[in-house]
Amino acid sequence: MRKTKMQSTAEKTTGGRKLAGDAALNVGERVVSQLAQFAVFVVAARTLGPAEFGIFALVSACAILLLVVAELGWAPFIMSHKGDDVAVPLQVLFLAILSGGGFAVVGGLGALGAGQFGVSDNIVLLMLLFAVWVALANASSAQKGILVWMGRLKAAALCGIAGELLGAAVALVTLLNGAGVFALAYGRLCSQSVTLALSFCATRRAPRRDISAGLLRDLWAFSSKIFLSRLMVHARLNLVTLIIGGALGAAAVGYYRAAERLVGAIAELIVVPGQLLAWTQLRRARDQGDPSGQTDRLNAQVARHLKALIVFGAPLLIWLAVMNDEILGGLLGDQWRPAASLVTILAVGRLLLFAGIMTEPLMSIVGAASKLPAFMAGILGLSVLLTWIAAYFGVQAVAWSQVAISGIVLGATIILFARNAGIRWAEVCKQLRGPILPLICGTGTIMLLDWAATALGLADLTEAVLFGLCGGIVYVAAIAAFDRAFWSDFTAILRPASVAR
């Protein structure tokens, strides 16, 4: 009995270390990705200015919406596939390649048609480049889904890192040589091409064309729901850009997108690995153990996952909200300081969306994906209405409307999880009390240093980094002191296992 218990403990610790390793590398991918993209963003912002940067943002928003239509839920279908047979994921990959190519042609024809209605040749060419990007990004997304389904999260992360670094290098070189907005498109094309090629090298599997009618039915039944929900999520996010462009002009788009890019760079460090790990860990909670205990396991996993998202993600967004002016001035220059208040507002909105990171994985895993389209449709309709009204009062009002929308999304997510996955929020919230006092301590430290350092004359970026590090040290110390259970679990995963164990 004792031996069995020790083996179980060792397996749990080993599994925790593997999870920590996968999480660390995927967070590392996001860090590299965001640093690479952020370097491009900083150089582009200083080179292009708000108006030209706003034009790029508008074209990019249209391309992203086209990509979401082309994706049709291929990657989620692959990642939720049961069994060990790789034939189905490879068949879905073939369909994803066909879909991406078809929608790239549609996008290219749309770009050429826009040229007939007075759109400048440069913008038409930019749209054509993004049409090619849609085909590459669609296939790359399905390939990443296959790597995640295989449990090869490290390989997926390494492919992404290589693609981001090379794409950023191409974008920076072409920017500095006067390519303008086209440099950003060149970088994206290079990034997706490299990621796609390396992912094929990692899987060593070719797409399969022997697609059965049964697979098409299953794919449609699943992907139509995921597709609609994803389309509405991205439509909600990108329609904000289009509404601002239509109501307030390209310069306002530039300021808003600069603020959103800063907040998004921090948020993606948590969102992307958080969602990938949610797919694997929630599926494991569903499948491992007696079916009668599935709800209890899912509740425990949701609580653990949400707490980890808050512990690691909230301090970064709070730092960005407090030090907004110093970060913008230090990175982008004085011409971008009007966007500082937008950074704080949008960061608050992101803090309210951590639970939503698990929406798609949890609803798919418990067989409630059919609830997502109606859920997202309601949020989309309300978002468009509030954003449209706010646009008449200026770009800051638009940012505040996104906070209101995030609050509504949080409330709707709580109801959705409780009704369809049996999530008991009273129990989940008990697990979330631990980080509250440490967050207050860390935030107070940053604000106090910011107030006290007015007369020191430090450079903006120096203040932001230095005060953030000090606040982070206080936060970690407070976690260790006031949330000992979490700290013990975290440090146990980091400690190397002894030879005897």
Protein backbone atom coordinates (compact mmCIF):
# COMPACT_ATOMS: atom_id res chain seq x y z
CA MET A 1 0.00 0.00 0.00
CA ARG A 2 2.78 2.41 0.97
CA LYS A 3 4.64 1.63 -2.23
CA THR A 4 1.54 2.22 -4.31
CA LYS A 5 0.95 5.55 -2.59
CA MET A 6 4.56 6.59 -3.17
CA GLN A 7 4.30 5.62 -6.84
CA SER A 8 1.11 7.65 -7.16
CA THR A 9 2.80 10.67 -5.59
CA ALA A 10 5.82 10.29 -7.87
CA GLU A 11 3.58 10.03 -10.94
CA LYS A 12 1.66 13.11 -9.87
CA THR A 13 4.89 15.07 -9.35
CA THR A 14 6.28 13.85 -12.69
CA GLY A 15 3.06 14.84 -14.42
CA GLY A 16 3.24 18.22 -12.74
CA ARG A 17 6.80 18.70 -13.94
CA LYS A 18 5.86 17.76 -17.49
CA LEU A 19 2.94 20.17 -17.33
CA ALA A 20 5.23 22.87 -15.94
CA GLY A 21 7.78 22.19 -18.69
CA ASP A 22 5.12 22.36 -21.41
CA ALA A 23 3.66 25.50 -19.87
CA ALA A 24 7.07 27.14 -19.48
CA LEU A 25 8.04 26.53 -23.10
CA ASN A 26 4.67 27.71 -24.40
CA VAL A 27 4.92 30.82 -22.25
CA GLY A 28 8.46 31.15 -23.61
CA GLU A 29 7.06 31.00 -27.13
CA ARG A 30 4.64 33.80 -26.26
CA VAL A 31 7.45 35.83 -24.68
CA VAL A 32 9.65 35.45 -27.77
CA SER A 33 6.68 36.09 -30.04
CA GLN A 34 5.60 39.21 -28.20
CA LEU A 35 9.14 40.55 -27.92
CA ALA A 36 9.70 39.98 -31.63
CA GLN A 37 6.37 41.49 -32.62
CA PHE A 38 6.82 44.29 -30.14
CA ALA A 39 10.21 45.22 -31.59
CA VAL A 40 8.56 45.41 -35.01
CA PHE A 41 5.66 47.40 -33.54
CA VAL A 42 7.99 49.95 -31.88
CA VAL A 43 10.04 50.51 -35.03
CA ALA A 44 6.89 50.67 -37.17
CA ALA A 45 5.19 53.14 -34.82
CA ARG A 46 8.20 55.42 -34.85
CA THR A 47 8.59 55.09 -38.63
CA LEU A 48 5.00 55.19 -39.86
CA GLY A 49 3.12 57.45 -37.45
CA PRO A 50 -0.51 57.09 -36.25
CA ALA A 51 -2.32 57.57 -39.58
CA GLU A 52 -0.28 55.12 -41.70
CA PHE A 53 -0.20 52.62 -38.84
CA GLY A 54 -3.99 52.95 -38.64
CA ILE A 55 -4.36 52.05 -42.34
CA PHE A 56 -2.34 48.89 -41.78
CA ALA A 57 -4.53 48.04 -38.79
CA LEU A 58 -7.70 48.36 -40.88
CA VAL A 59 -6.40 46.05 -43.63
CA SER A 60 -5.11 43.60 -41.03
CA ALA A 61 -8.51 43.53 -39.28
CA CYS A 62 -10.23 42.58 -42.55
CA ALA A 63 -7.65 39.82 -43.18
CA ILE A 64 -8.11 38.37 -39.70
CA LEU A 65 -11.87 38.15 -40.20
CA LEU A 66 -11.26 36.34 -43.51
CA LEU A 67 -8.87 33.94 -41.77
CA VAL A 68 -11.43 33.14 -39.07
CA VAL A 69 -13.93 32.20 -41.79
CA ALA A 70 -11.31 30.05 -43.53
CA GLU A 71 -10.31 28.24 -40.31
CA LEU A 72 -13.85 26.87 -39.73
CA GLY A 73 -12.79 25.26 -36.44
CA TRP A 74 -10.23 22.82 -37.92
CA ALA A 75 -7.74 23.06 -35.06
CA PRO A 76 -10.30 22.64 -32.21
CA PHE A 77 -11.76 19.57 -33.96
CA ILE A 78 -8.28 18.06 -34.21
CA MET A 79 -7.37 18.86 -30.59
CA SER A 80 -10.59 17.35 -29.21
CA HIS A 81 -10.35 14.19 -31.37
CA LYS A 82 -10.51 10.99 -29.30
CA GLY A 83 -8.31 7.98 -29.93
CA ASP A 84 -4.80 7.46 -31.25
CA ASP A 85 -5.53 7.21 -34.99
CA VAL A 86 -3.70 10.03 -36.75
CA ALA A 87 -5.65 9.53 -40.00
CA VAL A 88 -8.51 11.83 -38.99
CA PRO A 89 -6.28 14.81 -38.02
CA LEU A 90 -4.38 14.46 -41.31
CA GLN A 91 -7.62 14.36 -43.27
CA VAL A 92 -8.79 17.51 -41.52
CA LEU A 93 -5.43 19.10 -42.33
CA PHE A 94 -6.05 18.47 -46.03
CA LEU A 95 -9.44 20.18 -45.78
CA ALA A 96 -7.82 23.11 -43.95
CA ILE A 97 -5.30 23.57 -46.77
CA LEU A 98 -8.08 23.56 -49.36
CA SER A 99 -10.13 26.03 -47.33
CA GLY A 100 -7.20 28.39 -46.84
CA GLY A 101 -6.37 28.38 -50.53
CA GLY A 102 -9.97 29.00 -51.51
CA PHE A 103 -10.44 31.94 -49.18
CA ALA A 104 -7.09 33.38 -50.22
CA VAL A 105 -8.44 33.51 -53.79
CA VAL A 106 -11.62 35.19 -52.50
CA GLY A 107 -9.54 37.76 -50.64
CA GLY A 108 -7.37 38.41 -53.67
CA LEU A 109 -10.40 38.96 -55.90
CA GLY A 110 -11.85 41.30 -53.28
CA ALA A 111 -8.62 43.30 -53.25
CA LEU A 112 -8.61 43.62 -57.04
CA GLY A 113 -12.27 44.61 -56.96
CA ALA A 114 -11.53 47.31 -54.38
CA GLY A 115 -9.00 48.77 -56.81
CA GLN A 116 -11.81 49.32 -59.30
CA PHE A 117 -13.59 51.56 -56.79
CA GLY A 118 -10.77 54.02 -56.24
CA VAL A 119 -8.69 52.25 -53.56
CA SER A 120 -5.01 53.13 -54.07
CA ASP A 121 -2.64 50.63 -55.68
CA ASN A 122 -0.52 50.41 -52.52
CA ILE A 123 -3.49 49.39 -50.39
CA VAL A 124 -4.60 46.86 -53.03
CA LEU A 125 -1.12 45.30 -53.01
CA LEU A 126 -1.17 45.19 -49.21
CA MET A 127 -4.53 43.40 -49.35
CA LEU A 128 -3.16 40.86 -51.85
CA LEU A 129 -0.22 40.08 -49.57
CA PHE A 130 -2.62 39.50 -46.67
CA ALA A 131 -4.70 37.17 -48.86
CA VAL A 132 -1.62 34.95 -49.28
CA TRP A 133 -1.06 35.18 -45.52
CA VAL A 134 -4.57 33.81 -44.93
CA ALA A 135 -3.71 30.59 -46.80
CA LEU A 136 -0.45 30.08 -44.89
CA ALA A 137 -1.91 30.94 -41.47
CA ASN A 138 -4.87 28.59 -41.95
CA ALA A 139 -2.66 25.60 -42.72
CA SER A 140 -0.28 26.53 -39.89
CA SER A 141 -3.14 26.64 -37.38
CA ALA A 142 -4.28 23.11 -38.32
CA GLN A 143 -0.70 21.84 -38.12
CA LYS A 144 -0.33 23.29 -34.62
CA GLY A 145 -3.58 21.55 -33.68
CA ILE A 146 -2.05 18.22 -34.75
CA LEU A 147 1.06 18.81 -32.63
CA VAL A 148 -1.09 19.67 -29.60
CA TRP A 149 -3.24 16.55 -30.19
CA MET A 150 -0.06 14.47 -30.28
CA GLY A 151 0.96 15.98 -26.93
CA ARG A 152 3.98 17.62 -28.53
CA LEU A 153 3.50 21.07 -27.05
CA LYS A 154 7.25 21.69 -26.92
CA ALA A 155 7.62 21.03 -30.67
CA ALA A 156 4.70 23.35 -31.40
CA ALA A 157 6.30 26.06 -29.27
CA LEU A 158 9.72 25.70 -30.94
CA CYS A 159 8.18 25.94 -34.42
CA GLY A 160 6.39 29.12 -33.37
CA ILE A 161 9.54 30.63 -31.87
CA ALA A 162 11.57 30.06 -35.03
CA GLY A 163 8.84 31.52 -37.22
CA GLU A 164 8.40 34.62 -35.07
CA LEU A 165 12.13 35.37 -34.91
CA LEU A 166 12.69 35.07 -38.64
CA GLY A 167 9.50 36.99 -39.42
CA ALA A 168 10.55 39.81 -37.12
CA ALA A 169 13.99 39.93 -38.71
CA VAL A 170 12.48 40.28 -42.19
CA ALA A 171 10.05 42.97 -41.01
CA LEU A 172 12.75 45.01 -39.26
CA VAL A 173 15.21 44.84 -42.14
CA THR A 174 12.59 45.88 -44.70
CA LEU A 175 11.22 48.61 -42.40
CA LEU A 176 14.65 50.14 -41.95
CA ASN A 177 15.14 50.02 -45.74
CA GLY A 178 12.00 52.07 -46.40
CA ALA A 179 9.41 49.41 -47.26
CA GLY A 180 6.78 51.12 -45.08
CA VAL A 181 3.60 49.18 -44.27
CA PHE A 182 4.61 46.43 -46.69
CA ALA A 183 7.43 45.46 -44.32
CA LEU A 184 4.85 44.34 -41.76
CA ALA A 185 3.16 42.14 -44.34
CA TYR A 186 6.50 40.65 -45.44
CA GLY A 187 7.27 39.77 -41.82
CA ARG A 188 3.93 38.01 -41.33
CA LEU A 189 4.34 36.01 -44.54
CA CYS A 190 7.83 34.90 -43.53
CA SER A 191 6.72 33.96 -40.01
CA GLN A 192 3.84 31.74 -41.18
CA SER A 193 5.92 30.12 -43.94
CA VAL A 194 8.71 29.12 -41.53
CA THR A 195 6.30 27.91 -38.83
CA LEU A 196 4.37 25.81 -41.34
CA ALA A 197 7.49 24.24 -42.86
CA LEU A 198 8.97 23.36 -39.46
CA SER A 199 5.70 21.90 -38.17
CA PHE A 200 5.61 19.55 -41.16
CA CYS A 201 9.17 18.52 -40.31
CA ALA A 202 8.06 17.87 -36.71
CA THR A 203 5.03 15.70 -37.57
CA ARG A 204 6.60 14.05 -40.65
CA ARG A 205 3.09 13.39 -41.86
CA ALA A 206 1.50 14.42 -45.13
CA PRO A 207 -2.16 15.48 -45.42
CA ARG A 208 -4.53 12.65 -46.36
CA ARG A 209 -7.14 12.99 -49.08
CA ASP A 210 -9.21 9.87 -48.28
CA ILE A 211 -11.98 11.75 -46.53
CA SER A 212 -15.16 9.87 -45.66
CA ALA A 213 -18.70 11.22 -45.64
CA GLY A 214 -18.93 10.37 -41.92
CA LEU A 215 -15.94 12.56 -41.13
CA LEU A 216 -17.47 15.46 -43.06
CA ARG A 217 -20.70 15.10 -41.08
CA ASP A 218 -18.85 15.00 -37.75
CA LEU A 219 -16.66 17.90 -38.80
CA TRP A 220 -19.62 20.00 -39.81
CA ALA A 221 -21.56 19.19 -36.65
CA PHE A 222 -18.60 20.22 -34.49
CA SER A 223 -16.92 22.95 -36.51
CA SER A 224 -20.05 24.86 -37.45
CA LYS A 225 -20.57 25.65 -33.77
CA ILE A 226 -16.91 26.46 -33.09
CA PHE A 227 -16.73 28.47 -36.32
CA LEU A 228 -19.69 30.64 -35.46
CA SER A 229 -18.45 31.31 -31.94
CA ARG A 230 -14.91 32.13 -33.11
CA LEU A 231 -16.19 34.31 -35.93
CA MET A 232 -18.25 36.33 -33.50
CA VAL A 233 -15.37 36.67 -31.04
CA HIS A 234 -13.03 38.00 -33.72
CA ALA A 235 -15.77 40.08 -35.28
CA ARG A 236 -16.35 41.72 -31.91
CA LEU A 237 -12.65 42.52 -31.52
CA ASN A 238 -11.98 43.68 -35.07
CA LEU A 239 -15.23 45.54 -35.65
CA VAL A 240 -14.06 47.94 -32.94
CA THR A 241 -11.16 48.90 -35.23
CA LEU A 242 -13.46 49.29 -38.23
CA ILE A 243 -16.01 51.35 -36.28
CA ILE A 244 -13.31 53.69 -34.97
CA GLY A 245 -11.90 54.05 -38.48
CA GLY A 246 -15.31 54.90 -39.91
CA ALA A 247 -16.31 57.34 -37.16
CA LEU A 248 -13.04 58.92 -36.01
CA GLY A 249 -10.48 58.40 -38.80
CA ALA A 250 -7.19 56.58 -39.33
CA ALA A 251 -5.23 58.53 -36.68
CA ALA A 252 -7.71 57.51 -33.96
CA VAL A 253 -7.38 53.92 -35.15
CA GLY A 254 -3.61 54.27 -34.81
CA TYR A 255 -3.81 55.46 -31.20
CA TYR A 256 -6.37 52.83 -30.23
CA ARG A 257 -4.48 49.99 -31.92
CA ALA A 258 -1.21 51.11 -30.32
CA ALA A 259 -2.82 50.90 -26.88
CA GLU A 260 -4.53 47.63 -27.72
CA ARG A 261 -1.26 46.22 -29.05
CA LEU A 262 0.54 47.01 -25.80
CA VAL A 263 -2.19 45.42 -23.69
CA GLY A 264 -2.54 42.50 -26.11
CA ALA A 265 1.20 41.81 -26.02
CA ILE A 266 0.99 41.28 -22.26
CA ALA A 267 -2.33 39.43 -22.36
CA GLU A 268 -1.18 36.95 -25.00
CA LEU A 269 1.62 35.78 -22.73
CA ILE A 270 -1.18 34.32 -20.60
CA VAL A 271 -4.05 33.74 -23.04
CA VAL A 272 -2.36 31.56 -25.66
CA PRO A 273 -0.53 29.08 -23.38
CA GLY A 274 -3.46 29.26 -20.97
CA GLN A 275 -5.91 28.12 -23.63
CA LEU A 276 -3.62 25.40 -24.99
CA LEU A 277 -3.10 23.98 -21.50
CA ALA A 278 -6.83 24.24 -20.83
CA TRP A 279 -7.48 21.91 -23.78
CA THR A 280 -5.07 19.27 -22.47
CA GLN A 281 -5.79 19.56 -18.74
CA LEU A 282 -9.58 19.78 -18.97
CA ARG A 283 -9.65 16.83 -21.35
CA ARG A 284 -7.48 14.88 -18.91
CA ALA A 285 -9.80 15.81 -16.02
CA ARG A 286 -12.75 14.55 -18.03
CA ASP A 287 -11.21 11.25 -19.11
CA GLN A 288 -9.03 10.14 -16.19
CA GLY A 289 -11.06 8.58 -13.40
CA ASP A 290 -14.54 7.34 -12.71
CA PRO A 291 -17.25 9.03 -14.86
CA SER A 292 -19.29 9.73 -11.73
CA GLY A 293 -16.53 12.03 -10.47
CA GLN A 294 -16.10 13.95 -13.74
CA THR A 295 -17.89 17.09 -12.52
CA ASP A 296 -15.79 17.26 -9.35
CA ARG A 297 -12.57 16.84 -11.36
CA LEU A 298 -13.61 19.56 -13.80
CA ASN A 299 -14.47 21.91 -10.94
CA ALA A 300 -11.08 21.34 -9.35
CA GLN A 301 -9.26 21.86 -12.64
CA VAL A 302 -11.20 25.04 -13.51
CA ALA A 303 -10.34 26.47 -10.08
CA ARG A 304 -6.64 25.58 -10.46
CA HIS A 305 -6.44 26.91 -13.99
CA LEU A 306 -8.21 30.19 -13.26
CA LYS A 307 -6.07 30.79 -10.18
CA ALA A 308 -2.89 30.19 -12.17
CA LEU A 309 -4.08 32.63 -14.85
CA ILE A 310 -4.70 35.30 -12.22
CA VAL A 311 -1.48 34.67 -10.28
CA PHE A 312 0.73 34.91 -13.36
CA GLY A 313 -1.32 37.27 -15.55
CA ALA A 314 -2.88 39.92 -13.32
CA PRO A 315 0.42 41.48 -12.08
CA LEU A 316 1.58 42.12 -15.65
CA LEU A 317 -1.65 43.87 -16.67
CA ILE A 318 -1.72 45.91 -13.46
CA TRP A 319 1.89 47.01 -14.02
CA LEU A 320 0.98 48.09 -17.56
CA ALA A 321 -2.07 50.01 -16.31
CA VAL A 322 -0.11 51.89 -13.62
CA MET A 323 3.01 52.67 -15.69
CA ASN A 324 1.20 53.41 -18.97
CA ASP A 325 2.62 56.88 -19.63
CA GLU A 326 6.22 55.87 -18.93
CA ILE A 327 5.96 52.76 -21.11
CA LEU A 328 4.40 54.59 -24.06
CA GLY A 329 6.76 57.56 -23.85
CA GLY A 330 9.82 55.39 -23.46
CA LEU A 331 8.98 52.95 -26.23
CA LEU A 332 7.11 54.92 -28.88
CA GLY A 333 7.93 58.57 -28.23
CA ASP A 334 5.91 61.62 -27.20
CA GLN A 335 3.62 61.55 -30.25
CA TRP A 336 1.96 58.41 -28.84
CA ARG A 337 1.33 59.70 -25.29
CA PRO A 338 -2.35 60.47 -26.05
CA ALA A 339 -2.87 56.69 -26.02
CA ALA A 340 -1.67 56.31 -22.38
CA SER A 341 -5.12 56.54 -20.79
CA LEU A 342 -6.41 54.00 -23.32
CA VAL A 343 -3.80 51.51 -22.11
CA THR A 344 -5.09 51.67 -18.53
CA ILE A 345 -8.72 51.31 -19.56
CA LEU A 346 -8.10 48.37 -21.91
CA ALA A 347 -5.91 46.61 -19.31
CA VAL A 348 -8.81 46.74 -16.83
CA GLY A 349 -11.04 45.14 -19.46
CA ARG A 350 -8.55 42.33 -20.03
CA LEU A 351 -8.44 41.53 -16.32
CA LEU A 352 -12.13 40.65 -16.48
CA LEU A 353 -11.66 38.13 -19.30
CA PHE A 354 -9.44 35.49 -17.67
CA ALA A 355 -12.30 33.05 -17.09
CA GLY A 356 -13.29 33.35 -20.75
CA ILE A 357 -9.96 31.77 -21.77
CA MET A 358 -11.47 28.40 -20.82
CA THR A 359 -14.84 28.87 -22.56
CA GLU A 360 -14.12 27.13 -25.85
CA PRO A 361 -12.10 24.21 -24.39
CA LEU A 362 -14.52 23.55 -21.52
CA MET A 363 -17.70 23.73 -23.59
CA SER A 364 -16.20 21.50 -26.30
CA ILE A 365 -14.92 18.91 -23.83
CA VAL A 366 -18.24 18.58 -21.96
CA GLY A 367 -20.16 18.30 -25.24
CA ALA A 368 -21.83 21.71 -24.98
CA ALA A 369 -20.20 23.40 -27.99
CA SER A 370 -23.69 23.90 -29.46
CA LYS A 371 -24.26 26.58 -26.80
CA LEU A 372 -21.39 28.73 -28.04
CA PRO A 373 -22.96 30.33 -31.15
CA ALA A 374 -25.95 31.78 -29.29
CA PHE A 375 -23.67 32.84 -26.42
CA MET A 376 -21.26 34.63 -28.75
CA ALA A 377 -24.07 36.10 -30.87
CA GLY A 378 -25.54 37.85 -27.85
CA ILE A 379 -22.15 39.25 -26.86
CA LEU A 380 -21.41 40.34 -30.45
CA GLY A 381 -24.71 42.17 -30.83
CA LEU A 382 -24.29 43.99 -27.53
CA SER A 383 -20.63 44.79 -28.31
CA VAL A 384 -21.39 46.32 -31.70
CA LEU A 385 -24.22 48.39 -30.22
CA LEU A 386 -22.18 49.73 -27.29
CA THR A 387 -19.10 50.39 -29.44
CA TRP A 388 -21.13 52.16 -32.11
CA ILE A 389 -22.77 54.45 -29.53
CA ALA A 390 -19.46 55.12 -27.75
CA ALA A 391 -17.69 56.04 -31.02
CA TYR A 392 -19.72 59.27 -31.18
CA PHE A 393 -18.16 60.37 -27.87
CA GLY A 394 -14.54 59.74 -28.82
CA VAL A 395 -11.92 57.02 -28.68
CA GLN A 396 -11.70 57.03 -24.87
CA ALA A 397 -15.42 56.31 -24.63
CA VAL A 398 -14.89 53.37 -26.98
CA ALA A 399 -12.23 52.00 -24.62
CA TRP A 400 -14.60 52.30 -21.63
CA SER A 401 -17.30 50.52 -23.62
CA GLN A 402 -14.90 47.55 -23.94
CA VAL A 403 -14.59 47.41 -20.14
CA ALA A 404 -18.38 47.33 -19.83
CA ILE A 405 -18.52 44.56 -22.44
CA SER A 406 -15.85 42.57 -20.58
CA GLY A 407 -17.91 42.79 -17.39
CA ILE A 408 -20.98 41.51 -19.21
CA VAL A 409 -18.93 38.68 -20.76
CA LEU A 410 -17.66 37.67 -17.31
CA GLY A 411 -21.19 37.46 -15.92
CA ALA A 412 -22.42 35.48 -18.94
CA THR A 413 -19.41 33.12 -18.71
CA ILE A 414 -20.18 32.34 -15.07
CA ILE A 415 -23.75 31.40 -15.98
CA LEU A 416 -22.63 29.37 -19.02
CA PHE A 417 -20.13 27.31 -17.03
CA ALA A 418 -22.56 26.66 -14.19
CA ARG A 419 -25.44 25.53 -16.43
CA ASN A 420 -23.52 23.40 -18.93
CA ALA A 421 -20.44 22.09 -17.07
CA GLY A 422 -21.70 22.03 -13.49
CA ILE A 423 -19.06 24.53 -12.33
CA ARG A 424 -19.74 25.56 -8.73
CA TRP A 425 -18.48 29.13 -8.61
CA ALA A 426 -18.73 29.49 -4.85
CA GLU A 427 -16.09 26.75 -4.54
CA VAL A 428 -13.99 28.16 -7.36
CA CYS A 429 -13.97 31.65 -5.82
CA LYS A 430 -12.70 30.25 -2.52
CA GLN A 431 -9.55 29.18 -4.38
CA LEU A 432 -9.11 32.70 -5.78
CA ARG A 433 -8.78 34.53 -2.46
CA GLY A 434 -5.06 33.79 -2.12
CA PRO A 435 -3.70 36.25 -4.74
CA ILE A 436 -5.80 39.24 -3.59
CA LEU A 437 -3.56 40.55 -0.80
CA PRO A 438 -0.31 39.92 -2.75
CA LEU A 439 -1.75 41.85 -5.72
CA ILE A 440 -2.61 44.75 -3.42
CA CYS A 441 0.93 44.72 -2.00
CA GLY A 442 2.61 44.61 -5.42
CA THR A 443 0.36 47.30 -6.92
CA GLY A 444 0.80 49.57 -3.89
CA THR A 445 4.57 49.25 -4.19
CA ILE A 446 4.57 50.34 -7.84
CA MET A 447 2.22 53.27 -7.19
CA LEU A 448 4.22 54.44 -4.18
CA LEU A 449 7.51 54.32 -6.11
CA ASP A 450 5.92 56.14 -9.06
CA TRP A 451 4.70 58.90 -6.75
CA ALA A 452 7.98 59.19 -4.88
CA ALA A 453 10.20 59.21 -7.98
CA THR A 454 8.77 62.38 -9.54
CA ALA A 455 11.84 64.43 -8.65
CA LEU A 456 14.46 61.81 -9.52
CA GLY A 457 14.45 62.53 -13.24
CA LEU A 458 14.80 58.90 -14.34
CA ALA A 459 14.18 57.95 -17.96
CA ASP A 460 10.61 56.80 -18.61
CA LEU A 461 11.46 53.22 -19.56
CA THR A 462 13.93 52.91 -16.67
CA GLU A 463 11.20 53.88 -14.21
CA ALA A 464 8.72 51.43 -15.73
CA VAL A 465 11.09 48.46 -15.63
CA LEU A 466 12.68 49.25 -12.26
CA PHE A 467 9.42 49.91 -10.44
CA GLY A 468 7.84 46.85 -12.06
CA LEU A 469 10.66 44.64 -10.79
CA CYS A 470 10.34 46.04 -7.27
CA GLY A 471 6.59 45.49 -7.29
CA GLY A 472 7.13 41.98 -8.62
CA ILE A 473 9.55 41.11 -5.81
CA VAL A 474 7.07 42.31 -3.20
CA TYR A 475 4.27 40.38 -4.94
CA VAL A 476 6.22 37.10 -5.01
CA ALA A 477 7.20 37.51 -1.36
CA ALA A 478 3.56 38.14 -0.46
CA ILE A 479 2.45 35.02 -2.37
CA ALA A 480 4.99 32.96 -0.44
CA ALA A 481 3.80 34.46 2.86
CA PHE A 482 0.02 34.57 2.42
CA ASP A 483 -0.76 31.76 -0.06
CA ARG A 484 1.47 28.99 1.21
CA ALA A 485 -0.49 26.13 -0.38
CA PHE A 486 -0.03 27.56 -3.87
CA TRP A 487 3.60 28.41 -3.18
CA SER A 488 4.30 24.87 -1.93
CA ASP A 489 2.71 23.30 -5.02
CA PHE A 490 4.61 25.66 -7.31
CA THR A 491 8.01 25.11 -5.69
CA ALA A 492 7.44 21.33 -5.53
CA ILE A 493 7.09 21.26 -9.31
CA LEU A 494 10.32 23.25 -9.74
CA ARG A 495 12.40 21.09 -7.39
CA PRO A 496 14.29 18.25 -9.12
CA ALA A 497 13.27 14.78 -8.00
CA SER A 498 15.84 12.86 -5.98
CA VAL A 499 17.35 9.63 -7.36
CA ALA A 500 15.76 7.64 -4.52
CA ARG A 501 12.28 8.82 -5.47
